[in-house]
Amino acid sequence: MLAKALETLGCPAAKSAEMAAQLEKRANQLVAERGWTRERALVHLLGLMRGGWAAKERGL
């Protein structure tokens, strides 16, 4: 499900499963480090990724 969400944000389909696994790992780290909920951590990370892909599309 997370891989599909990444694809809708612009992640290449061939890398979506790998990136989803990395995102899960980092979300778990944020939960442990900052005491965030898993949902908050994932929303934060997805927002960062969306911004990165948007910048890449604009050629920045």
N, C-alpha and C. Protein backbone atom coordinates (compact mmCIF):
# COMPACT_ATOMS: atom_id res chain seq x y z
N MET A 1 0.83 -1.19 0.00
CA MET A 1 0.00 0.00 0.00
C MET A 1 0.88 1.26 0.00
N LEU A 2 1.93 1.26 0.79
CA LEU A 2 2.83 2.41 0.85
C LEU A 2 3.54 2.59 -0.49
N ALA A 3 3.91 1.49 -1.12
CA ALA A 3 4.57 1.57 -2.43
C ALA A 3 3.65 2.24 -3.45
N LYS A 4 2.38 1.93 -3.42
CA LYS A 4 1.42 2.55 -4.35
C LYS A 4 1.30 4.03 -4.06
N ALA A 5 1.28 4.41 -2.78
CA ALA A 5 1.22 5.82 -2.41
C ALA A 5 2.43 6.57 -2.93
N LEU A 6 3.58 5.95 -2.84
CA LEU A 6 4.81 6.57 -3.35
C LEU A 6 4.72 6.78 -4.86
N GLU A 7 4.17 5.80 -5.55
CA GLU A 7 4.02 5.93 -7.00
C GLU A 7 3.12 7.10 -7.37
N THR A 8 2.07 7.32 -6.61
CA THR A 8 1.17 8.44 -6.91
C THR A 8 1.86 9.78 -6.66
N LEU A 9 2.90 9.78 -5.82
CA LEU A 9 3.65 11.00 -5.54
C LEU A 9 4.80 11.21 -6.52
N GLY A 10 5.00 10.26 -7.43
CA GLY A 10 6.03 10.42 -8.45
C GLY A 10 7.19 9.46 -8.37
N CYS A 11 7.16 8.55 -7.44
CA CYS A 11 8.23 7.56 -7.32
C CYS A 11 8.17 6.60 -8.50
N PRO A 12 9.31 6.30 -9.10
CA PRO A 12 9.32 5.32 -10.18
C PRO A 12 8.81 3.96 -9.69
N ALA A 13 7.94 3.34 -10.44
CA ALA A 13 7.33 2.07 -10.04
C ALA A 13 8.36 1.00 -9.73
N ALA A 14 9.46 1.01 -10.48
CA ALA A 14 10.49 -0.01 -10.29
C ALA A 14 11.20 0.13 -8.94
N LYS A 15 11.12 1.30 -8.33
CA LYS A 15 11.81 1.53 -7.06
C LYS A 15 10.86 1.67 -5.89
N SER A 16 9.56 1.63 -6.12
CA SER A 16 8.60 1.94 -5.08
C SER A 16 8.64 0.97 -3.89
N ALA A 17 8.80 -0.32 -4.15
CA ALA A 17 8.84 -1.29 -3.05
C ALA A 17 10.07 -1.08 -2.18
N GLU A 18 11.21 -0.86 -2.82
CA GLU A 18 12.46 -0.61 -2.08
C GLU A 18 12.36 0.68 -1.26
N MET A 19 11.82 1.72 -1.87
CA MET A 19 11.68 2.99 -1.17
C MET A 19 10.67 2.90 -0.04
N ALA A 20 9.62 2.13 -0.22
CA ALA A 20 8.63 1.94 0.83
C ALA A 20 9.27 1.27 2.05
N ALA A 21 10.12 0.29 1.80
CA ALA A 21 10.81 -0.39 2.91
C ALA A 21 11.73 0.58 3.64
N GLN A 22 12.44 1.42 2.90
CA GLN A 22 13.31 2.41 3.51
C GLN A 22 12.51 3.44 4.31
N LEU A 23 11.36 3.81 3.76
CA LEU A 23 10.49 4.77 4.43
C LEU A 23 9.96 4.20 5.75
N GLU A 24 9.58 2.95 5.73
CA GLU A 24 9.11 2.27 6.95
C GLU A 24 10.21 2.26 8.01
N LYS A 25 11.42 1.94 7.58
CA LYS A 25 12.55 1.88 8.51
C LYS A 25 12.79 3.25 9.14
N ARG A 26 12.81 4.28 8.31
CA ARG A 26 13.05 5.63 8.84
C ARG A 26 11.89 6.10 9.71
N ALA A 27 10.67 5.74 9.36
CA ALA A 27 9.52 6.10 10.19
C ALA A 27 9.64 5.47 11.57
N ASN A 28 10.06 4.23 11.61
CA ASN A 28 10.26 3.55 12.90
C ASN A 28 11.35 4.23 13.72
N GLN A 29 12.38 4.73 13.05
CA GLN A 29 13.44 5.46 13.74
C GLN A 29 12.90 6.74 14.34
N LEU A 30 12.08 7.46 13.59
CA LEU A 30 11.49 8.71 14.10
C LEU A 30 10.57 8.45 15.28
N VAL A 31 9.84 7.37 15.23
CA VAL A 31 8.97 7.00 16.35
C VAL A 31 9.82 6.80 17.60
N ALA A 32 10.92 6.07 17.46
CA ALA A 32 11.78 5.80 18.61
C ALA A 32 12.53 7.04 19.08
N GLU A 33 13.04 7.84 18.13
CA GLU A 33 13.85 9.00 18.48
C GLU A 33 13.05 10.18 19.00
N ARG A 34 11.92 10.44 18.37
CA ARG A 34 11.17 11.66 18.67
C ARG A 34 9.85 11.41 19.39
N GLY A 35 9.49 10.15 19.52
CA GLY A 35 8.24 9.83 20.19
C GLY A 35 7.00 10.14 19.36
N TRP A 36 7.20 10.26 18.05
CA TRP A 36 6.08 10.53 17.15
C TRP A 36 5.25 9.27 16.98
N THR A 37 4.02 9.46 16.52
CA THR A 37 3.23 8.31 16.11
C THR A 37 3.75 7.85 14.75
N ARG A 38 3.46 6.62 14.42
CA ARG A 38 3.88 6.10 13.11
C ARG A 38 3.24 6.92 11.99
N GLU A 39 1.98 7.28 12.18
CA GLU A 39 1.27 8.06 11.17
C GLU A 39 1.95 9.41 10.95
N ARG A 40 2.28 10.09 12.04
CA ARG A 40 2.94 11.39 11.91
C ARG A 40 4.28 11.25 11.19
N ALA A 41 5.04 10.24 11.55
CA ALA A 41 6.35 10.02 10.93
C ALA A 41 6.19 9.78 9.43
N LEU A 42 5.23 8.96 9.04
CA LEU A 42 5.03 8.66 7.62
C LEU A 42 4.56 9.90 6.85
N VAL A 43 3.65 10.66 7.44
CA VAL A 43 3.18 11.89 6.79
C VAL A 43 4.34 12.85 6.59
N HIS A 44 5.17 12.99 7.60
CA HIS A 44 6.33 13.86 7.51
C HIS A 44 7.27 13.41 6.38
N LEU A 45 7.60 12.15 6.37
CA LEU A 45 8.52 11.63 5.36
C LEU A 45 7.94 11.69 3.96
N LEU A 46 6.67 11.39 3.81
CA LEU A 46 6.04 11.47 2.49
C LEU A 46 6.03 12.91 1.99
N GLY A 47 5.83 13.85 2.89
CA GLY A 47 5.88 15.26 2.52
C GLY A 47 7.26 15.66 2.02
N LEU A 48 8.29 15.19 2.70
CA LEU A 48 9.66 15.48 2.25
C LEU A 48 9.94 14.87 0.89
N MET A 49 9.49 13.65 0.70
CA MET A 49 9.72 12.98 -0.57
C MET A 49 8.96 13.66 -1.70
N ARG A 50 7.73 14.05 -1.43
CA ARG A 50 6.92 14.73 -2.44
C ARG A 50 7.61 16.03 -2.86
N GLY A 51 8.13 16.76 -1.88
CA GLY A 51 8.83 18.00 -2.19
C GLY A 51 10.08 17.75 -3.02
N GLY A 52 10.79 16.70 -2.72
CA GLY A 52 11.98 16.36 -3.48
C GLY A 52 11.68 16.01 -4.92
N TRP A 53 10.65 15.23 -5.13
CA TRP A 53 10.28 14.86 -6.50
C TRP A 53 9.76 16.07 -7.26
N ALA A 54 9.04 16.97 -6.57
CA ALA A 54 8.53 18.17 -7.25
C ALA A 54 9.70 19.04 -7.71
N ALA A 55 10.71 19.17 -6.86
CA ALA A 55 11.88 19.96 -7.22
C ALA A 55 12.62 19.32 -8.40
N LYS A 56 12.70 18.01 -8.39
CA LYS A 56 13.38 17.30 -9.48
C LYS A 56 12.65 17.53 -10.81
N GLU A 57 11.31 17.52 -10.76
CA GLU A 57 10.53 17.73 -11.97
C GLU A 57 10.71 19.14 -12.51
N ARG A 58 10.94 20.11 -11.61
CA ARG A 58 11.13 21.49 -12.03
C ARG A 58 12.57 21.75 -12.46
N GLY A 59 13.43 20.74 -12.30
CA GLY A 59 14.82 20.88 -12.70
C GLY A 59 15.68 21.60 -11.68
N LEU A 60 15.26 21.59 -10.43
CA LEU A 60 16.05 22.25 -9.37
C LEU A 60 17.08 21.34 -8.77
